[in-house]
Amino acid sequence: MAYEIDGQTIENTASGFLVNIEDWNEGVANYIAKEESIDELTERHWDVIKYLRDEYINNAGNQPNMRKMTKAMQDVWNEKKVDTKTIYQLFPGGPSKQAGKIGGLPESRRKGGY
């Protein structure tokens, strides 16, 4: 399978994840977001996406669970408490899966939970 974005063919898996992480850029992210029924990526969307990419790329392929994600966003957003509902409102298809897909990361092999 493949995405056709700005005249480029970008290979993806049957579930829509990029085959090569190097093919990712913000244009690709916006395209995948629309495919995932997210019309616009806000600053908070980008915060989650950048966090997941940073963890994966700079931390030996780490794919944080929801608890770590909410704690990280508390720091990024300078809020006392960020709950899972807040992040699920951004990524209703599941933050790890949907944000990871939009971020060009491989499909998570985790089963979820804390």
Protein backbone atom coordinates (compact mmCIF):
# COMPACT_ATOMS: atom_id res chain seq x y z
CA MET A 1 0.00 0.00 0.00
CA ALA A 2 1.07 3.60 -0.36
CA TYR A 3 0.08 7.19 0.25
CA GLU A 4 0.31 9.65 -2.65
CA ILE A 5 1.37 12.96 -1.12
CA ASP A 6 2.55 15.97 -3.13
CA GLY A 7 3.57 13.78 -6.06
CA GLN A 8 5.49 11.33 -3.86
CA THR A 9 4.62 7.72 -3.21
CA ILE A 10 5.11 6.86 0.47
CA GLU A 11 4.89 3.18 1.34
CA ASN A 12 2.73 2.16 4.27
CA THR A 13 1.57 -1.04 5.90
CA ALA A 14 -1.91 -2.53 5.56
CA SER A 15 -2.89 -0.70 8.77
CA GLY A 16 -1.59 2.66 7.48
CA PHE A 17 1.73 2.97 9.33
CA LEU A 18 4.76 4.19 7.39
CA VAL A 19 7.19 1.52 6.24
CA ASN A 20 10.17 3.91 6.51
CA ILE A 21 10.25 6.41 9.36
CA GLU A 22 12.54 8.59 7.19
CA ASP A 23 9.61 9.28 4.83
CA TRP A 24 7.85 11.32 7.54
CA ASN A 25 7.50 15.09 7.54
CA GLU A 26 4.82 17.53 8.69
CA GLY A 27 3.04 17.34 5.34
CA VAL A 28 2.82 13.56 5.68
CA ALA A 29 1.54 14.00 9.25
CA ASN A 30 -1.19 16.37 8.09
CA TYR A 31 -2.20 13.97 5.32
CA ILE A 32 -2.41 10.97 7.68
CA ALA A 33 -4.31 13.06 10.24
CA LYS A 34 -6.97 13.82 7.66
CA GLU A 35 -7.13 10.11 6.78
CA GLU A 36 -7.68 9.52 10.52
CA SER A 37 -10.54 12.09 10.58
CA ILE A 38 -8.52 14.74 12.40
CA ASP A 39 -9.06 17.84 10.30
CA GLU A 40 -6.45 20.06 11.92
CA LEU A 41 -3.41 19.31 14.05
CA THR A 42 -3.32 21.85 16.88
CA GLU A 43 -0.30 22.76 18.97
CA ARG A 44 -1.35 20.15 21.53
CA HIS A 45 -1.56 17.47 18.83
CA TRP A 46 1.98 18.38 17.75
CA ASP A 47 3.20 18.26 21.37
CA VAL A 48 2.04 14.65 21.70
CA ILE A 49 3.38 13.68 18.26
CA LYS A 50 6.78 15.29 18.91
CA TYR A 51 6.99 13.62 22.32
CA LEU A 52 6.29 10.18 20.86
CA ARG A 53 8.78 10.71 18.02
CA ASP A 54 11.45 11.92 20.41
CA GLU A 55 10.96 8.92 22.70
CA TYR A 56 11.09 6.49 19.79
CA ILE A 57 14.01 8.06 17.92
CA ASN A 58 16.16 9.15 20.86
CA ASN A 59 15.30 6.48 23.43
CA ALA A 60 15.98 3.16 21.71
CA GLY A 61 12.55 2.69 20.15
CA ASN A 62 10.63 3.44 23.35
CA GLN A 63 6.87 3.70 22.85
CA PRO A 64 5.52 5.25 26.09
CA ASN A 65 2.37 4.00 27.73
CA MET A 66 -0.55 6.29 28.50
CA ARG A 67 0.59 7.06 32.04
CA LYS A 68 4.00 8.28 30.88
CA MET A 69 2.36 10.24 28.07
CA THR A 70 0.00 12.09 30.43
CA LYS A 71 2.86 12.90 32.84
CA ALA A 72 4.99 14.21 29.98
CA MET A 73 2.15 16.40 28.69
CA GLN A 74 1.66 17.83 32.20
CA ASP A 75 5.21 19.13 31.96
CA VAL A 76 4.92 20.30 28.36
CA TRP A 77 1.59 22.05 28.89
CA ASN A 78 2.59 23.30 32.36
CA GLU A 79 -0.59 21.95 33.89
CA LYS A 80 -1.05 20.40 37.29
CA LYS A 81 -3.06 17.45 36.01
CA VAL A 82 -3.54 16.06 32.51
CA ASP A 83 -5.85 13.08 32.36
CA THR A 84 -6.21 10.43 29.70
CA LYS A 85 -9.53 11.92 28.57
CA THR A 86 -7.72 15.10 27.47
CA ILE A 87 -5.33 13.15 25.26
CA TYR A 88 -8.09 10.86 23.93
CA GLN A 89 -10.00 13.98 22.88
CA LEU A 90 -7.02 14.87 20.69
CA PHE A 91 -6.59 11.32 19.36
CA PRO A 92 -9.91 9.45 19.66
CA GLY A 93 -8.45 6.44 17.85
CA GLY A 94 -6.11 5.89 20.79
CA PRO A 95 -3.18 8.18 21.55
CA SER A 96 -0.41 5.61 21.20
CA LYS A 97 -1.75 4.13 18.00
CA GLN A 98 -3.23 7.16 16.25
CA ALA A 99 -0.62 9.74 17.31
CA GLY A 100 2.13 7.24 16.51
CA LYS A 101 0.69 6.63 13.06
CA ILE A 102 0.42 10.36 12.37
CA GLY A 103 3.96 10.75 13.71
CA GLY A 104 5.31 8.21 11.24
CA LEU A 105 6.26 5.66 13.88
CA PRO A 106 5.94 1.87 13.59
CA GLU A 107 2.78 0.28 14.95
CA SER A 108 2.96 -0.18 18.71
CA ARG A 109 3.25 -3.76 19.88
CA ARG A 110 2.09 -2.91 23.40
CA LYS A 111 -1.29 -4.09 24.56
CA GLY A 112 -2.13 -0.78 26.28
CA GLY A 113 -2.90 0.04 29.89
CA TYR A 114 -0.50 1.46 32.42
